[in-house]
Amino acid sequence: MELLLNLLLIAGGVVLLYFGGEVLVKNAVVLARSWGINTMVVGLTVVAFGTSSPELAASLAAALFGSPSIAIGNVVGSNILNILLILGLTALIQPIRAQAQFIRREVPFMIGTALLLWAFLYLGQQVGRWEGLFSLILLGLYIGFLYKSSSGENPEVAQEFEQEYGQPAQISWRNYLGLALGLVLLGLGARILTLGAVALARGFGVSELVIGLTVVALGTSLPELATSVVAALRREPDIALGNIVGSNIFNILGILGLTALVQPIDLPWASIQRDMAVMLGASLLLWPFLVTGAQLSRREGAVFLALYAAYTFWLLQG
């Protein structure tokens, strides 16, 4: 009975996080467009960061309620899942190739953020308030870089984003109400998910870190999954790739940055080094496809999925 209750809490939290993220992103896009923000910037920041809002809510709730392992595990697990599972599944549906120059420039930055988190945890065994502040400053610089570089993108890619996010924005009080509702749903869903995840870990004798890397990461990554699959079906590869790369950057700089600023996160390096290595390895694995413009075909998508299955099996065995 207790197991069923914990599973219901996790499922309920995931549902609230998913719909909270959807409502938040939908209304944030309308507001951003009404303020005259470039459609490509909207797609790469508002949408990519908005789809990571469940991760932000879950990690913040976990850290505040004394489960730092879930907070970090959620971010690291989501980044691994975004590349190996979501892009693998996306490529199976529709082979993808990066056309946009900005994506090729973003990938080294994504790898750099992974190395930055590696340094925080390896050298200091924590992500403290100073590290959190530094991460948020870097995020601000990254957004400024995107804003400036988006104007020089090739017309075909610009058209892709214009088609997806360029509809005339008709703003009303409902958009602000939707934004507030999305935040409420995210907060409530994060608390329920954290309660269920912690109880499930204790019930099975599994570490909170493993639960964060698997159950919580999968639940909070549903918006990225939905966005990328829809983009693949519509033959919009740069939106799918931009969403994943942008989300991975935001997960480390924005989510852990803000979480650490509110509540410093302590975690022994030995407990997370394997997963950090997998996250960095997955990022490096993606790099050749995006930088060279090579196609991420169905075969490579199947390999990505197999690697994610092997990693999950490895986690549960350990």
Protein backbone atom coordinates (compact mmCIF):
# COMPACT_ATOMS: atom_id res chain seq x y z
CA MET A 1 0.00 0.00 0.00
CA GLU A 2 2.84 2.35 0.86
CA LEU A 3 4.55 1.59 -2.46
CA LEU A 4 1.36 2.39 -4.36
CA LEU A 5 0.98 5.67 -2.47
CA ASN A 6 4.56 6.69 -3.28
CA LEU A 7 4.08 5.84 -6.96
CA LEU A 8 0.85 7.86 -7.01
CA LEU A 9 2.67 10.82 -5.44
CA ILE A 10 5.40 10.62 -8.08
CA ALA A 11 2.87 10.27 -10.92
CA GLY A 12 0.77 13.14 -9.57
CA GLY A 13 3.85 15.33 -9.20
CA VAL A 14 4.96 14.57 -12.76
CA VAL A 15 1.52 15.42 -14.15
CA LEU A 16 1.44 18.75 -12.28
CA LEU A 17 4.99 19.56 -13.39
CA TYR A 18 4.22 18.71 -17.00
CA PHE A 19 1.08 20.83 -17.22
CA GLY A 20 2.66 23.59 -15.15
CA GLY A 21 5.59 23.71 -17.59
CA GLU A 22 3.27 23.65 -20.60
CA VAL A 23 1.13 26.50 -19.29
CA LEU A 24 4.22 28.50 -18.32
CA VAL A 25 5.92 28.10 -21.71
CA LYS A 26 2.77 28.83 -23.73
CA ASN A 27 2.09 32.11 -21.94
CA ALA A 28 5.74 33.12 -21.67
CA VAL A 29 6.12 32.79 -25.45
CA VAL A 30 3.12 35.07 -26.02
CA LEU A 31 4.47 37.65 -23.58
CA ALA A 32 7.97 37.51 -25.07
CA ARG A 33 6.64 37.97 -28.60
CA SER A 34 4.49 40.89 -27.46
CA TRP A 35 7.64 42.56 -26.13
CA GLY A 36 9.23 42.30 -29.58
CA ILE A 37 11.79 39.61 -28.80
CA ASN A 38 13.26 37.84 -31.84
CA THR A 39 11.56 34.50 -32.60
CA MET A 40 14.88 32.65 -32.58
CA VAL A 41 15.77 34.07 -29.17
CA VAL A 42 12.30 33.07 -27.94
CA GLY A 43 12.85 29.52 -29.14
CA LEU A 44 16.33 29.23 -27.70
CA THR A 45 15.67 30.86 -24.32
CA VAL A 46 12.00 31.14 -23.38
CA VAL A 47 11.08 27.72 -24.76
CA ALA A 48 14.32 25.87 -23.96
CA PHE A 49 14.46 27.30 -20.45
CA GLY A 50 10.71 26.98 -19.97
CA THR A 51 10.77 23.27 -20.74
CA SER A 52 13.38 22.99 -17.96
CA SER A 53 11.08 24.67 -15.42
CA PRO A 54 10.02 21.28 -13.94
CA GLU A 55 13.69 20.49 -13.28
CA LEU A 56 14.09 23.88 -11.60
CA ALA A 57 11.06 23.37 -9.38
CA ALA A 58 12.02 19.80 -8.46
CA SER A 59 15.68 20.60 -7.73
CA LEU A 60 14.81 23.67 -5.69
CA ALA A 61 12.23 21.75 -3.67
CA ALA A 62 14.62 18.85 -3.10
CA ALA A 63 17.43 21.12 -1.88
CA LEU A 64 15.13 23.12 0.40
CA PHE A 65 13.67 19.98 1.98
CA GLY A 66 17.00 18.34 2.68
CA SER A 67 17.58 16.11 -0.36
CA PRO A 68 20.59 17.62 -2.19
CA SER A 69 21.31 14.29 -3.92
CA ILE A 70 17.95 14.46 -5.69
CA ALA A 71 18.63 18.09 -6.69
CA ILE A 72 21.95 17.32 -8.37
CA GLY A 73 20.84 13.90 -9.60
CA ASN A 74 17.85 15.51 -11.32
CA VAL A 75 20.05 17.95 -13.26
CA VAL A 76 22.78 15.46 -14.21
CA GLY A 77 20.23 12.74 -15.01
CA SER A 78 18.15 15.14 -17.12
CA ASN A 79 21.17 16.21 -19.16
CA ILE A 80 22.09 12.58 -19.85
CA LEU A 81 18.49 11.72 -20.68
CA ASN A 82 18.10 14.76 -22.96
CA ILE A 83 20.94 13.64 -25.20
CA LEU A 84 20.81 9.85 -25.12
CA LEU A 85 17.08 9.17 -24.71
CA ILE A 86 15.29 12.20 -26.17
CA LEU A 87 17.61 12.88 -29.10
CA GLY A 88 17.90 9.13 -29.69
CA LEU A 89 14.12 8.81 -29.88
CA THR A 90 13.85 11.97 -31.98
CA ALA A 91 16.38 10.61 -34.50
CA LEU A 92 14.46 7.33 -34.71
CA ILE A 93 11.33 9.27 -35.66
CA GLN A 94 13.07 11.62 -38.07
CA PRO A 95 16.83 11.73 -38.77
CA ILE A 96 18.13 15.17 -37.83
CA ARG A 97 20.97 17.41 -38.98
CA ALA A 98 21.96 20.74 -37.50
CA GLN A 99 21.73 23.55 -40.05
CA ALA A 100 22.06 26.46 -37.64
CA GLN A 101 25.45 28.00 -36.92
CA PHE A 102 24.37 28.99 -33.40
CA ILE A 103 23.89 25.33 -32.43
CA ARG A 104 27.44 24.52 -33.51
CA ARG A 105 28.68 27.43 -31.40
CA GLU A 106 26.54 26.41 -28.44
CA VAL A 107 27.85 22.85 -28.13
CA PRO A 108 31.30 23.82 -26.80
CA PHE A 109 29.52 26.07 -24.30
CA MET A 110 27.31 23.13 -23.23
CA ILE A 111 30.41 21.00 -22.72
CA GLY A 112 32.02 23.89 -20.84
CA THR A 113 29.12 24.05 -18.39
CA ALA A 114 29.49 20.31 -17.74
CA LEU A 115 33.20 20.84 -17.01
CA LEU A 116 32.31 23.77 -14.75
CA LEU A 117 30.00 21.60 -12.66
CA TRP A 118 32.73 18.93 -12.62
CA ALA A 119 35.14 21.53 -11.18
CA PHE A 120 32.65 22.70 -8.55
CA LEU A 121 32.01 19.20 -7.25
CA TYR A 122 35.54 17.83 -7.62
CA LEU A 123 37.37 20.78 -6.04
CA GLY A 124 34.82 21.95 -3.49
CA GLN A 125 32.50 18.96 -2.99
CA GLN A 126 29.59 21.37 -3.32
CA VAL A 127 27.79 23.99 -5.36
CA GLY A 128 27.72 26.90 -2.93
CA ARG A 129 26.28 30.39 -3.13
CA TRP A 130 29.35 31.89 -4.83
CA GLU A 131 29.32 29.10 -7.41
CA GLY A 132 25.59 29.66 -7.89
CA LEU A 133 26.07 33.39 -8.42
CA PHE A 134 28.89 32.79 -10.89
CA SER A 135 26.72 30.33 -12.81
CA LEU A 136 23.83 32.80 -13.06
CA ILE A 137 26.17 35.55 -14.31
CA LEU A 138 27.43 33.16 -17.00
CA LEU A 139 23.83 32.38 -17.94
CA GLY A 140 23.15 36.09 -18.40
CA LEU A 141 26.19 36.43 -20.66
CA TYR A 142 25.07 33.39 -22.65
CA ILE A 143 21.61 34.90 -23.24
CA GLY A 144 23.25 38.14 -24.39
CA PHE A 145 25.43 36.17 -26.79
CA LEU A 146 22.37 34.40 -28.23
CA TYR A 147 20.54 37.69 -28.69
CA LYS A 148 23.43 39.21 -30.66
CA SER A 149 24.32 36.15 -32.74
CA SER A 150 20.77 35.20 -33.74
CA SER A 151 20.48 38.08 -36.21
CA GLY A 152 23.22 36.60 -38.40
CA GLU A 153 21.63 33.17 -38.81
CA ASN A 154 20.82 31.82 -42.26
CA PRO A 155 17.29 32.53 -43.60
CA GLU A 156 16.21 28.87 -43.69
CA VAL A 157 16.82 28.41 -39.97
CA ALA A 158 15.26 31.79 -39.15
CA GLN A 159 12.16 30.76 -41.10
CA GLU A 160 11.94 27.54 -39.09
CA PHE A 161 11.72 29.50 -35.84
CA GLU A 162 9.43 32.13 -37.36
CA GLN A 163 6.99 29.44 -38.45
CA GLU A 164 6.92 27.92 -34.96
CA TYR A 165 6.92 31.02 -32.75
CA GLY A 166 6.21 33.97 -35.03
CA GLN A 167 2.43 34.06 -34.83
CA PRO A 168 1.05 37.50 -33.92
CA ALA A 169 0.90 37.80 -30.15
CA GLN A 170 -2.43 38.91 -28.71
CA ILE A 171 -1.67 39.62 -25.09
CA SER A 172 -4.29 39.81 -22.34
CA TRP A 173 -4.63 39.42 -18.58
CA ARG A 174 -5.14 35.70 -19.16
CA ASN A 175 -1.48 35.36 -20.15
CA TYR A 176 -0.32 36.79 -16.83
CA LEU A 177 -2.82 34.59 -15.01
CA GLY A 178 -1.55 31.57 -16.99
CA LEU A 179 2.03 32.44 -16.05
CA ALA A 180 1.07 32.55 -12.36
CA LEU A 181 -0.92 29.31 -12.66
CA GLY A 182 2.05 27.58 -14.28
CA LEU A 183 4.31 28.62 -11.40
CA VAL A 184 1.80 27.38 -8.82
CA LEU A 185 1.44 24.01 -10.56
CA LEU A 186 5.22 23.69 -10.77
CA GLY A 187 5.69 24.42 -7.09
CA LEU A 188 2.98 22.01 -6.00
CA GLY A 189 4.10 19.28 -8.40
CA ALA A 190 7.73 19.60 -7.30
CA ARG A 191 6.85 19.17 -3.63
CA ILE A 192 4.64 16.14 -4.27
CA LEU A 193 7.24 14.55 -6.57
CA THR A 194 10.01 15.08 -4.01
CA LEU A 195 7.96 13.52 -1.21
CA GLY A 196 7.19 10.46 -3.33
CA ALA A 197 10.76 10.11 -4.63
CA VAL A 198 12.36 10.28 -1.19
CA ALA A 199 9.87 7.77 0.24
CA LEU A 200 10.38 5.45 -2.74
CA ALA A 201 14.16 5.56 -2.33
CA ARG A 202 13.91 4.70 1.35
CA GLY A 203 11.36 1.95 0.72
CA PHE A 204 13.56 0.19 -1.84
CA GLY A 205 16.83 0.92 -0.11
CA VAL A 206 18.04 2.82 -3.18
CA SER A 207 20.01 6.04 -2.80
CA GLU A 208 18.24 9.34 -3.35
CA LEU A 209 20.87 10.13 -5.97
CA VAL A 210 19.81 7.15 -8.11
CA ILE A 211 16.15 8.15 -7.78
CA GLY A 212 17.07 11.69 -8.85
CA LEU A 213 19.09 10.39 -11.81
CA THR A 214 16.28 8.14 -13.04
CA VAL A 215 12.69 8.63 -11.83
CA VAL A 216 12.86 12.36 -11.11
CA ALA A 217 14.97 13.15 -14.19
CA LEU A 218 12.57 11.27 -16.46
CA GLY A 219 9.50 12.89 -14.94
CA THR A 220 10.84 16.44 -15.17
CA SER A 221 12.15 15.96 -18.74
CA LEU A 222 8.73 15.24 -20.28
CA PRO A 223 8.37 18.80 -21.69
CA GLU A 224 11.71 18.48 -23.53
CA LEU A 225 10.60 15.10 -24.84
CA ALA A 226 7.29 16.46 -26.12
CA THR A 227 8.89 19.54 -27.70
CA SER A 228 11.62 17.57 -29.48
CA VAL A 229 9.33 14.83 -30.78
CA VAL A 230 6.84 17.37 -32.13
CA ALA A 231 9.69 19.32 -33.77
CA ALA A 232 10.95 16.10 -35.40
CA LEU A 233 7.50 15.26 -36.75
CA ARG A 234 7.26 18.78 -38.21
CA ARG A 235 10.75 18.44 -39.73
CA GLU A 236 12.18 21.26 -37.60
CA PRO A 237 15.55 19.78 -36.56
CA ASP A 238 17.11 22.99 -35.34
CA ILE A 239 14.26 23.55 -32.89
CA ALA A 240 14.65 20.02 -31.53
CA LEU A 241 18.42 20.37 -31.18
CA GLY A 242 18.29 23.93 -29.89
CA ASN A 243 15.78 22.90 -27.24
CA ILE A 244 18.03 20.10 -25.94
CA VAL A 245 21.29 22.05 -26.02
CA GLY A 246 19.67 25.14 -24.47
CA SER A 247 17.98 23.04 -21.78
CA ASN A 248 21.24 21.31 -20.85
CA ILE A 249 22.98 24.67 -20.46
CA PHE A 250 20.11 26.08 -18.41
CA ASN A 251 19.95 22.97 -16.22
CA ILE A 252 23.48 23.58 -14.94
CA LEU A 253 23.79 27.36 -14.98
CA GLY A 254 20.18 28.32 -14.23
CA ILE A 255 18.77 25.48 -12.15
CA LEU A 256 21.79 24.58 -10.05
CA GLY A 257 22.86 28.23 -9.98
CA LEU A 258 19.55 29.44 -8.56
CA THR A 259 19.15 26.40 -6.30
CA ALA A 260 22.63 26.86 -4.81
CA LEU A 261 22.03 30.56 -4.33
CA VAL A 262 18.94 29.74 -2.23
CA GLN A 263 20.31 26.58 -0.59
CA PRO A 264 23.95 25.46 -1.05
CA ILE A 265 24.21 21.86 -2.28
CA ASP A 266 26.81 19.57 -0.70
CA LEU A 267 27.62 16.26 -2.34
CA PRO A 268 30.75 14.07 -2.06
CA TRP A 269 32.55 13.79 -5.38
CA ALA A 270 32.88 10.01 -5.09
CA SER A 271 29.10 9.54 -5.17
CA ILE A 272 28.58 11.45 -8.43
CA GLN A 273 31.81 11.02 -10.42
CA ARG A 274 30.46 8.11 -12.53
CA ASP A 275 27.38 10.08 -13.56
CA MET A 276 29.37 13.25 -14.25
CA ALA A 277 31.61 11.19 -16.56
CA VAL A 278 28.56 9.83 -18.40
CA MET A 279 27.07 13.34 -18.76
CA LEU A 280 30.33 14.71 -20.17
CA GLY A 281 30.74 11.65 -22.42
CA ALA A 282 27.23 12.05 -23.83
CA SER A 283 27.91 15.73 -24.56
CA LEU A 284 31.16 14.88 -26.34
CA LEU A 285 29.39 12.12 -28.29
CA LEU A 286 26.89 14.65 -29.63
CA TRP A 287 29.54 17.20 -30.60
CA PRO A 288 30.73 15.63 -33.91
CA PHE A 289 27.18 15.46 -35.26
CA LEU A 290 26.43 19.11 -34.54
CA VAL A 291 29.79 20.66 -35.39
CA THR A 292 30.34 18.82 -38.70
CA GLY A 293 26.70 18.94 -39.76
CA ALA A 294 26.60 15.15 -40.05
CA GLN A 295 23.18 13.55 -39.87
CA LEU A 296 22.03 11.94 -36.65
CA SER A 297 20.38 9.01 -38.38
CA ARG A 298 18.09 6.28 -37.09
CA ARG A 299 21.10 4.03 -36.58
CA GLU A 300 22.84 6.57 -34.34
CA GLY A 301 19.51 7.21 -32.59
CA ALA A 302 19.27 3.51 -31.78
CA VAL A 303 22.84 3.57 -30.44
CA PHE A 304 21.98 6.54 -28.20
CA LEU A 305 18.94 4.69 -26.84
CA ALA A 306 21.00 1.54 -26.22
CA LEU A 307 23.60 3.58 -24.35
CA TYR A 308 20.89 5.12 -22.16
CA ALA A 309 19.43 1.67 -21.41
CA ALA A 310 22.93 0.38 -20.49
CA TYR A 311 23.55 3.39 -18.23
CA THR A 312 20.22 2.91 -16.45
CA PHE A 313 20.93 -0.81 -15.95
CA TRP A 314 24.38 0.11 -14.58
CA LEU A 315 22.79 2.55 -12.13
CA LEU A 316 20.26 0.08 -10.81
CA GLN A 317 22.91 -2.62 -10.43
CA GLY A 318 25.19 -0.35 -8.43
